[in-house]
Amino acid sequence: MERKAALDALDDALRWLNSAKRSGDSGDYNLGIYGLEMSTEIALKGVLIALKIDYPKVHDILPVIRLAIREHSSRLPGAFVNNEYFILDTLRELLKLRGPAGYTFSSNIKVADLKEDYKRYLRDVTQILELCKTSIALLNR
């Protein structure tokens, strides 16, 4: 059950990433950032599922991910463990951007102002999804 659920989460994360790319390609950087955050969150929830850890039904899963890495570092790929701060920092920053990106109409942010953040985090999220994919494959053996 966990194996399928973890793979399904990874598939969903990849769909969010593809949606974020389409949004960015069309200049909708706010939607792109929102999609990047969702992609990261769901991929990391897939890792939690593969570790047989109940994930919280909230967006901010930073404490659970931090604890999972500490408690299960011997089961996770070294690259995932070694990139703990990169993963946590990226998710933290995306969570900060998610609200304003989702509500540009009520914030002082213009969609075009999010272009550089979008480009930066697109690279980072792509890397995190690869780390999650490798982790889920290893844990599902």
C-alpha atoms as a PDB file:
ATOM      1  CA  MET A   1       0.000   0.000   0.000  1.00  0.00           C
ATOM      2  CA  GLU A   2       2.717   2.500   0.956  1.00  0.00           C
ATOM      3  CA  ARG A   3       4.679   1.622  -2.177  1.00  0.00           C
ATOM      4  CA  LYS A   4       1.808   2.558  -4.485  1.00  0.00           C
ATOM      5  CA  ALA A   5       0.875   5.644  -2.462  1.00  0.00           C
ATOM      6  CA  ALA A   6       4.467   6.918  -2.480  1.00  0.00           C
ATOM      7  CA  LEU A   7       4.704   6.427  -6.256  1.00  0.00           C
ATOM      8  CA  ASP A   8       1.308   8.095  -6.737  1.00  0.00           C
ATOM      9  CA  ALA A   9       2.525  11.068  -4.698  1.00  0.00           C
ATOM     10  CA  LEU A  10       5.630  11.298  -6.875  1.00  0.00           C
ATOM     11  CA  ASP A  11       3.467  11.192 -10.014  1.00  0.00           C
ATOM     12  CA  ASP A  12       1.300  14.000  -8.602  1.00  0.00           C
ATOM     13  CA  ALA A  13       4.426  16.005  -7.757  1.00  0.00           C
ATOM     14  CA  LEU A  14       5.638  15.635 -11.337  1.00  0.00           C
ATOM     15  CA  ARG A  15       2.256  16.824 -12.649  1.00  0.00           C
ATOM     16  CA  TRP A  16       2.478  19.887 -10.376  1.00  0.00           C
ATOM     17  CA  LEU A  17       5.999  20.527 -11.706  1.00  0.00           C
ATOM     18  CA  ASN A  18       4.822  20.265 -15.317  1.00  0.00           C
ATOM     19  CA  SER A  19       1.935  22.610 -14.553  1.00  0.00           C
ATOM     20  CA  ALA A  20       4.379  25.051 -12.934  1.00  0.00           C
ATOM     21  CA  LYS A  21       6.566  24.926 -16.055  1.00  0.00           C
ATOM     22  CA  ARG A  22       3.614  25.641 -18.350  1.00  0.00           C
ATOM     23  CA  SER A  23       2.619  28.555 -16.138  1.00  0.00           C
ATOM     24  CA  GLY A  24       6.140  29.957 -16.131  1.00  0.00           C
ATOM     25  CA  ASP A  25       6.432  29.548 -19.898  1.00  0.00           C
ATOM     26  CA  SER A  26       3.312  31.668 -20.326  1.00  0.00           C
ATOM     27  CA  GLY A  27       4.490  34.354 -17.869  1.00  0.00           C
ATOM     28  CA  ASP A  28       2.148  33.315 -15.060  1.00  0.00           C
ATOM     29  CA  TYR A  29       4.975  33.244 -12.506  1.00  0.00           C
ATOM     30  CA  ASN A  30       2.594  33.418  -9.569  1.00  0.00           C
ATOM     31  CA  LEU A  31       0.924  30.177 -10.645  1.00  0.00           C
ATOM     32  CA  GLY A  32       4.340  28.729 -11.400  1.00  0.00           C
ATOM     33  CA  ILE A  33       5.589  29.397  -7.876  1.00  0.00           C
ATOM     34  CA  TYR A  34       2.400  27.986  -6.391  1.00  0.00           C
ATOM     35  CA  GLY A  35       2.903  24.832  -8.468  1.00  0.00           C
ATOM     36  CA  LEU A  36       6.560  24.571  -7.460  1.00  0.00           C
ATOM     37  CA  GLU A  37       5.619  24.670  -3.785  1.00  0.00           C
ATOM     38  CA  MET A  38       2.945  22.009  -4.264  1.00  0.00           C
ATOM     39  CA  SER A  39       5.342  19.845  -6.259  1.00  0.00           C
ATOM     40  CA  THR A  40       7.972  19.989  -3.534  1.00  0.00           C
ATOM     41  CA  GLU A  41       5.488  19.384  -0.741  1.00  0.00           C
ATOM     42  CA  ILE A  42       3.869  16.375  -2.397  1.00  0.00           C
ATOM     43  CA  ALA A  43       7.185  14.786  -3.417  1.00  0.00           C
ATOM     44  CA  LEU A  44       8.386  15.077   0.175  1.00  0.00           C
ATOM     45  CA  LYS A  45       5.112  13.599   1.417  1.00  0.00           C
ATOM     46  CA  GLY A  46       5.839  10.699  -0.939  1.00  0.00           C
ATOM     47  CA  VAL A  47       9.140  10.152   0.860  1.00  0.00           C
ATOM     48  CA  LEU A  48       7.306  10.220   4.190  1.00  0.00           C
ATOM     49  CA  ILE A  49       4.821   7.651   2.902  1.00  0.00           C
ATOM     50  CA  ALA A  50       7.675   5.405   1.747  1.00  0.00           C
ATOM     51  CA  LEU A  51       9.167   5.733   5.247  1.00  0.00           C
ATOM     52  CA  LYS A  52       5.746   4.712   6.672  1.00  0.00           C
ATOM     53  CA  ILE A  53       5.361   8.074   8.397  1.00  0.00           C
ATOM     54  CA  ASP A  54       1.930   9.673   8.564  1.00  0.00           C
ATOM     55  CA  TYR A  55       2.265  13.062   6.981  1.00  0.00           C
ATOM     56  CA  PRO A  56       0.377  16.078   8.288  1.00  0.00           C
ATOM     57  CA  LYS A  57      -2.464  17.391   6.135  1.00  0.00           C
ATOM     58  CA  VAL A  58      -0.899  20.856   6.055  1.00  0.00           C
ATOM     59  CA  HIS A  59       1.497  22.586   3.694  1.00  0.00           C
ATOM     60  CA  ASP A  60       4.223  23.256   6.247  1.00  0.00           C
ATOM     61  CA  ILE A  61       5.781  19.831   6.702  1.00  0.00           C
ATOM     62  CA  LEU A  62       9.215  21.183   7.613  1.00  0.00           C
ATOM     63  CA  PRO A  63       9.298  19.773  11.166  1.00  0.00           C
ATOM     64  CA  VAL A  64       8.224  16.312  10.021  1.00  0.00           C
ATOM     65  CA  ILE A  65      10.778  16.224   7.197  1.00  0.00           C
ATOM     66  CA  ARG A  66      13.554  17.397   9.526  1.00  0.00           C
ATOM     67  CA  LEU A  67      12.670  14.679  12.051  1.00  0.00           C
ATOM     68  CA  ALA A  68      12.349  11.995   9.358  1.00  0.00           C
ATOM     69  CA  ILE A  69      15.802  12.775   8.012  1.00  0.00           C
ATOM     70  CA  ARG A  70      17.307  12.617  11.482  1.00  0.00           C
ATOM     71  CA  GLU A  71      15.536   9.408  12.513  1.00  0.00           C
ATOM     72  CA  HIS A  72      15.838   7.564   9.185  1.00  0.00           C
ATOM     73  CA  SER A  73      19.129   8.836   7.765  1.00  0.00           C
ATOM     74  CA  SER A  74      20.488   5.282   7.514  1.00  0.00           C
ATOM     75  CA  ARG A  75      17.575   4.272   5.267  1.00  0.00           C
ATOM     76  CA  LEU A  76      17.680   7.321   3.005  1.00  0.00           C
ATOM     77  CA  PRO A  77      20.166   7.893   0.181  1.00  0.00           C
ATOM     78  CA  GLY A  78      23.212   9.886   1.234  1.00  0.00           C
ATOM     79  CA  ALA A  79      22.436  12.548  -1.356  1.00  0.00           C
ATOM     80  CA  PHE A  80      19.034  13.167   0.230  1.00  0.00           C
ATOM     81  CA  VAL A  81      20.456  13.350   3.756  1.00  0.00           C
ATOM     82  CA  ASN A  82      23.395  15.517   2.659  1.00  0.00           C
ATOM     83  CA  ASN A  83      20.986  17.968   1.022  1.00  0.00           C
ATOM     84  CA  GLU A  84      18.773  18.334   4.102  1.00  0.00           C
ATOM     85  CA  TYR A  85      19.339  22.074   4.443  1.00  0.00           C
ATOM     86  CA  PHE A  86      18.892  22.692   0.721  1.00  0.00           C
ATOM     87  CA  ILE A  87      15.582  20.782   0.794  1.00  0.00           C
ATOM     88  CA  LEU A  88      14.315  22.449   3.967  1.00  0.00           C
ATOM     89  CA  ASP A  89      15.436  25.944   2.948  1.00  0.00           C
ATOM     90  CA  THR A  90      13.832  25.612  -0.485  1.00  0.00           C
ATOM     91  CA  LEU A  91      10.521  24.432   0.943  1.00  0.00           C
ATOM     92  CA  ARG A  92      10.624  27.164   3.601  1.00  0.00           C
ATOM     93  CA  GLU A  93      11.135  29.880   0.982  1.00  0.00           C
ATOM     94  CA  LEU A  94       8.446  28.458  -1.302  1.00  0.00           C
ATOM     95  CA  LEU A  95       6.012  28.387   1.611  1.00  0.00           C
ATOM     96  CA  LYS A  96       6.751  32.075   2.223  1.00  0.00           C
ATOM     97  CA  LEU A  97       6.142  32.889  -1.446  1.00  0.00           C
ATOM     98  CA  ARG A  98       3.082  30.657  -1.830  1.00  0.00           C
ATOM     99  CA  GLY A  99       0.605  32.983  -0.120  1.00  0.00           C
ATOM    100  CA  PRO A 100       1.610  36.194  -1.892  1.00  0.00           C
ATOM    101  CA  ALA A 101       1.956  34.327  -5.199  1.00  0.00           C
ATOM    102  CA  GLY A 102      -1.519  32.862  -4.823  1.00  0.00           C
ATOM    103  CA  TYR A 103      -3.034  36.219  -3.916  1.00  0.00           C
ATOM    104  CA  THR A 104      -1.222  38.752  -6.079  1.00  0.00           C
ATOM    105  CA  PHE A 105      -4.518  40.626  -6.445  1.00  0.00           C
ATOM    106  CA  SER A 106      -4.480  41.510  -2.746  1.00  0.00           C
ATOM    107  CA  SER A 107      -0.750  41.899  -2.217  1.00  0.00           C
ATOM    108  CA  ASN A 108       1.661  44.484  -3.512  1.00  0.00           C
ATOM    109  CA  ILE A 109       3.327  41.972  -5.804  1.00  0.00           C
ATOM    110  CA  LYS A 110       3.108  42.102  -9.567  1.00  0.00           C
ATOM    111  CA  VAL A 111       3.209  38.761 -11.370  1.00  0.00           C
ATOM    112  CA  ALA A 112       6.222  39.878 -13.415  1.00  0.00           C
ATOM    113  CA  ASP A 113       8.123  40.601 -10.180  1.00  0.00           C
ATOM    114  CA  LEU A 114       8.101  36.869  -9.420  1.00  0.00           C
ATOM    115  CA  LYS A 115      10.010  35.867 -12.555  1.00  0.00           C
ATOM    116  CA  GLU A 116      13.453  35.579 -10.957  1.00  0.00           C
ATOM    117  CA  ASP A 117      12.116  33.662  -7.960  1.00  0.00           C
ATOM    118  CA  TYR A 118      10.297  31.321 -10.321  1.00  0.00           C
ATOM    119  CA  LYS A 119      13.421  30.649 -12.394  1.00  0.00           C
ATOM    120  CA  ARG A 120      15.573  30.027  -9.326  1.00  0.00           C
ATOM    121  CA  TYR A 121      13.135  27.704  -7.620  1.00  0.00           C
ATOM    122  CA  LEU A 122      12.354  25.802 -10.808  1.00  0.00           C
ATOM    123  CA  ARG A 123      15.970  24.594 -10.821  1.00  0.00           C
ATOM    124  CA  ASP A 124      15.904  23.825  -7.105  1.00  0.00           C
ATOM    125  CA  VAL A 125      12.579  21.977  -7.181  1.00  0.00           C
ATOM    126  CA  THR A 126      13.677  19.888 -10.156  1.00  0.00           C
ATOM    127  CA  GLN A 127      16.709  18.823  -8.126  1.00  0.00           C
ATOM    128  CA  ILE A 128      14.596  18.061  -5.039  1.00  0.00           C
ATOM    129  CA  LEU A 129      12.199  15.922  -7.062  1.00  0.00           C
ATOM    130  CA  GLU A 130      15.135  13.859  -8.313  1.00  0.00           C
ATOM    131  CA  LEU A 131      16.291  13.371  -4.719  1.00  0.00           C
ATOM    132  CA  CYS A 132      12.769  12.307  -3.734  1.00  0.00           C
ATOM    133  CA  LYS A 133      12.480   9.962  -6.719  1.00  0.00           C
ATOM    134  CA  THR A 134      15.754   8.242  -5.787  1.00  0.00           C
ATOM    135  CA  SER A 135      14.679   8.032  -2.143  1.00  0.00           C
ATOM    136  CA  ILE A 136      11.288   6.529  -2.931  1.00  0.00           C
ATOM    137  CA  ALA A 137      12.860   3.980  -5.305  1.00  0.00           C
ATOM    138  CA  LEU A 138      15.349   2.916  -2.627  1.00  0.00           C
ATOM    139  CA  LEU A 139      12.734   2.728   0.127  1.00  0.00           C
ATOM    140  CA  ASN A 140      10.334   0.760  -2.080  1.00  0.00           C
ATOM    141  CA  ARG A 141      12.792  -2.069  -2.779  1.00  0.00           C
END
